C-alpha atoms as a PDB file:
ATOM      1  CA  MET A   1       0.000   0.000   0.000  1.00  0.00           C
ATOM      2  CA  SER A   2       1.482   3.348  -0.969  1.00  0.00           C
ATOM      3  CA  LEU A   3       0.751   6.587   0.784  1.00  0.00           C
ATOM      4  CA  PRO A   4      -0.367   9.480  -1.419  1.00  0.00           C
ATOM      5  CA  HIS A   5       1.913  11.991   0.261  1.00  0.00           C
ATOM      6  CA  ALA A   6       4.966   9.741  -0.097  1.00  0.00           C
ATOM      7  CA  GLU A   7       4.840   9.582  -3.880  1.00  0.00           C
ATOM      8  CA  PRO A   8       6.143  12.388  -6.064  1.00  0.00           C
ATOM      9  CA  ASP A   9       3.454  14.623  -7.446  1.00  0.00           C
ATOM     10  CA  THR A  10       3.616  14.322 -11.212  1.00  0.00           C
ATOM     11  CA  GLN A  11       0.203  15.806 -11.954  1.00  0.00           C
ATOM     12  CA  ARG A  12       0.993  19.393 -10.964  1.00  0.00           C
ATOM     13  CA  PRO A  13       3.234  21.494 -13.163  1.00  0.00           C
ATOM     14  CA  SER A  14       6.383  22.646 -11.497  1.00  0.00           C
ATOM     15  CA  ALA A  15       6.202  26.037  -9.877  1.00  0.00           C
ATOM     16  CA  PRO A  16       7.944  28.851 -11.732  1.00  0.00           C
ATOM     17  CA  ALA A  17      11.357  29.638 -10.357  1.00  0.00           C
ATOM     18  CA  ARG A  18      11.150  32.457  -7.856  1.00  0.00           C
ATOM     19  CA  ARG A  19      13.579  35.229  -8.284  1.00  0.00           C
ATOM     20  CA  GLU A  20      15.482  35.694  -5.073  1.00  0.00           C
ATOM     21  CA  SER A  21      15.041  39.221  -3.834  1.00  0.00           C
ATOM     22  CA  VAL A  22      16.689  40.707  -0.842  1.00  0.00           C
ATOM     23  CA  TYR A  23      14.321  42.669   1.335  1.00  0.00           C
ATOM     24  CA  PRO A  24      14.846  45.367   2.277  1.00  0.00           C
ATOM     25  CA  PRO A  25      16.925  46.515  -0.666  1.00  0.00           C
ATOM     26  CA  ARG A  26      20.480  46.585   0.589  1.00  0.00           C
ATOM     27  CA  ARG A  27      21.669  50.001  -0.544  1.00  0.00           C
ATOM     28  CA  ALA A  28      18.399  51.808   0.130  1.00  0.00           C
ATOM     29  CA  TRP A  29      18.233  50.231   3.583  1.00  0.00           C
ATOM     30  CA  LEU A  30      21.775  51.313   4.440  1.00  0.00           C
ATOM     31  CA  ILE A  31      21.150  54.866   3.265  1.00  0.00           C
ATOM     32  CA  GLY A  32      17.952  55.010   5.301  1.00  0.00           C
ATOM     33  CA  ALA A  33      19.700  53.515   8.318  1.00  0.00           C
ATOM     34  CA  CYS A  34      22.185  56.383   8.158  1.00  0.00           C
ATOM     35  CA  LEU A  35      20.022  59.347   7.189  1.00  0.00           C
ATOM     36  CA  TRP A  36      16.908  58.786   9.308  1.00  0.00           C
ATOM     37  CA  PRO A  37      18.631  58.614  12.726  1.00  0.00           C
ATOM     38  CA  GLY A  38      20.815  61.512  11.610  1.00  0.00           C
ATOM     39  CA  PHE A  39      17.695  63.518  10.762  1.00  0.00           C
ATOM     40  CA  LEU A  40      16.147  62.836  14.159  1.00  0.00           C
ATOM     41  CA  ALA A  41      19.369  63.675  15.988  1.00  0.00           C
ATOM     42  CA  ALA A  42      19.776  66.872  13.936  1.00  0.00           C
ATOM     43  CA  GLY A  43      16.252  67.952  14.807  1.00  0.00           C
ATOM     44  CA  LEU A  44      16.924  67.448  18.502  1.00  0.00           C
ATOM     45  CA  ALA A  45      20.346  69.123  18.331  1.00  0.00           C
ATOM     46  CA  THR A  46      18.865  72.088  16.432  1.00  0.00           C
ATOM     47  CA  MET A  47      16.163  72.564  19.033  1.00  0.00           C
ATOM     48  CA  LEU A  48      18.631  72.376  21.903  1.00  0.00           C
ATOM     49  CA  PHE A  49      21.293  74.565  20.287  1.00  0.00           C
ATOM     50  CA  PHE A  50      18.992  77.295  19.013  1.00  0.00           C
ATOM     51  CA  SER A  51      16.937  77.422  22.211  1.00  0.00           C
ATOM     52  CA  GLY A  52      19.895  79.206  23.781  1.00  0.00           C
ATOM     53  CA  ILE A  53      21.598  80.851  20.806  1.00  0.00           C
ATOM     54  CA  ASP A  54      20.014  83.239  18.337  1.00  0.00           C
ATOM     55  CA  PRO A  55      21.323  82.699  14.789  1.00  0.00           C
ATOM     56  CA  GLU A  56      21.283  86.441  14.101  1.00  0.00           C
ATOM     57  CA  THR A  57      23.490  87.162  17.126  1.00  0.00           C
ATOM     58  CA  LEU A  58      25.795  84.308  16.156  1.00  0.00           C
ATOM     59  CA  ARG A  59      26.115  85.710  12.627  1.00  0.00           C
ATOM     60  CA  VAL A  60      26.919  89.225  13.860  1.00  0.00           C
ATOM     61  CA  GLN A  61      29.603  87.928  16.236  1.00  0.00           C
ATOM     62  CA  THR A  62      31.269  85.446  13.874  1.00  0.00           C
ATOM     63  CA  LEU A  63      30.692  86.504  10.252  1.00  0.00           C
ATOM     64  CA  PRO A  64      29.396  90.091  10.147  1.00  0.00           C
ATOM     65  CA  ASP A  65      29.953  90.390   6.382  1.00  0.00           C
ATOM     66  CA  TRP A  66      27.413  87.671   5.591  1.00  0.00           C
ATOM     67  CA  ASP A  67      23.921  88.893   4.885  1.00  0.00           C
ATOM     68  CA  ILE A  68      21.669  85.965   5.772  1.00  0.00           C
ATOM     69  CA  SER A  69      18.303  85.835   7.467  1.00  0.00           C
ATOM     70  CA  ARG A  70      17.464  84.187  10.752  1.00  0.00           C
ATOM     71  CA  THR A  71      15.642  81.399   8.911  1.00  0.00           C
ATOM     72  CA  ALA A  72      18.713  80.738   6.766  1.00  0.00           C
ATOM     73  CA  GLY A  73      20.771  80.510   9.959  1.00  0.00           C
ATOM     74  CA  TYR A  74      18.404  77.886  11.340  1.00  0.00           C
ATOM     75  CA  SER A  75      18.545  75.975   8.060  1.00  0.00           C
ATOM     76  CA  ILE A  76      22.336  76.047   7.817  1.00  0.00           C
ATOM     77  CA  GLY A  77      22.618  74.942  11.435  1.00  0.00           C
ATOM     78  CA  PHE A  78      20.173  72.062  10.892  1.00  0.00           C
ATOM     79  CA  LEU A  79      22.000  70.872   7.768  1.00  0.00           C
ATOM     80  CA  MET A  80      25.345  70.980   9.566  1.00  0.00           C
ATOM     81  CA  PHE A  81      23.933  68.995  12.498  1.00  0.00           C
ATOM     82  CA  TRP A  82      22.365  66.521  10.028  1.00  0.00           C
ATOM     83  CA  ALA A  83      25.672  66.016   8.209  1.00  0.00           C
ATOM     84  CA  VAL A  84      27.544  65.300  11.444  1.00  0.00           C
ATOM     85  CA  ALA A  85      24.850  62.977  12.824  1.00  0.00           C
ATOM     86  CA  SER A  86      24.498  61.118   9.495  1.00  0.00           C
ATOM     87  CA  PHE A  87      28.239  60.617   9.320  1.00  0.00           C
ATOM     88  CA  SER A  88      28.141  59.214  12.838  1.00  0.00           C
ATOM     89  CA  SER A  89      25.313  56.844  11.875  1.00  0.00           C
ATOM     90  CA  ALA A  90      27.159  55.753   8.722  1.00  0.00           C
ATOM     91  CA  LEU A  91      30.255  54.999  10.743  1.00  0.00           C
ATOM     92  CA  SER A  92      28.193  52.966  13.218  1.00  0.00           C
ATOM     93  CA  VAL A  93      26.540  50.968  10.402  1.00  0.00           C
ATOM     94  CA  LEU A  94      29.911  50.353   8.790  1.00  0.00           C
ATOM     95  CA  LEU A  95      31.465  49.098  12.013  1.00  0.00           C
ATOM     96  CA  ALA A  96      28.451  46.968  12.993  1.00  0.00           C
ATOM     97  CA  ARG A  97      28.263  45.017   9.724  1.00  0.00           C
ATOM     98  CA  ALA A  98      29.519  41.440   9.751  1.00  0.00           C
ATOM     99  CA  PRO A  99      32.575  40.706   7.629  1.00  0.00           C
ATOM    100  CA  ARG A 100      31.861  39.264   4.187  1.00  0.00           C
ATOM    101  CA  ASN A 101      32.586  35.652   3.289  1.00  0.00           C
ATOM    102  CA  GLU A 102      34.008  34.675   6.638  1.00  0.00           C
ATOM    103  CA  THR A 103      33.750  30.993   5.662  1.00  0.00           C
ATOM    104  CA  ASP A 104      36.037  31.595   2.670  1.00  0.00           C
ATOM    105  CA  LYS A 105      38.891  32.664   4.949  1.00  0.00           C
ATOM    106  CA  ARG A 106      39.241  29.264   6.627  1.00  0.00           C
ATOM    107  CA  PRO A 107      42.434  27.380   5.812  1.00  0.00           C
ATOM    108  CA  THR A 108      41.928  24.220   3.775  1.00  0.00           C
END
């Protein structure tokens, strides 16, 4: 007596080959893993920094020849904080990644 589940199924057509996809997309995920925490940290740093320092006063004391508005000072400060925080996140992602092909390095 043969069991139906023990025999190969020859009546069904074979399933189409699935294309292996990596989710989430590797590069987009890494960029997001660097920029999003950097954005959040820059928002917090901007709020803390500019709660005590006026960008107009800072401009007058450091670069009096520049003619920029207060809003431009906030924007420049936020972008600078974002660049530093994103670089920090990128460095953390780079250092936290596992080495590639560790099994290939074993002596034979």
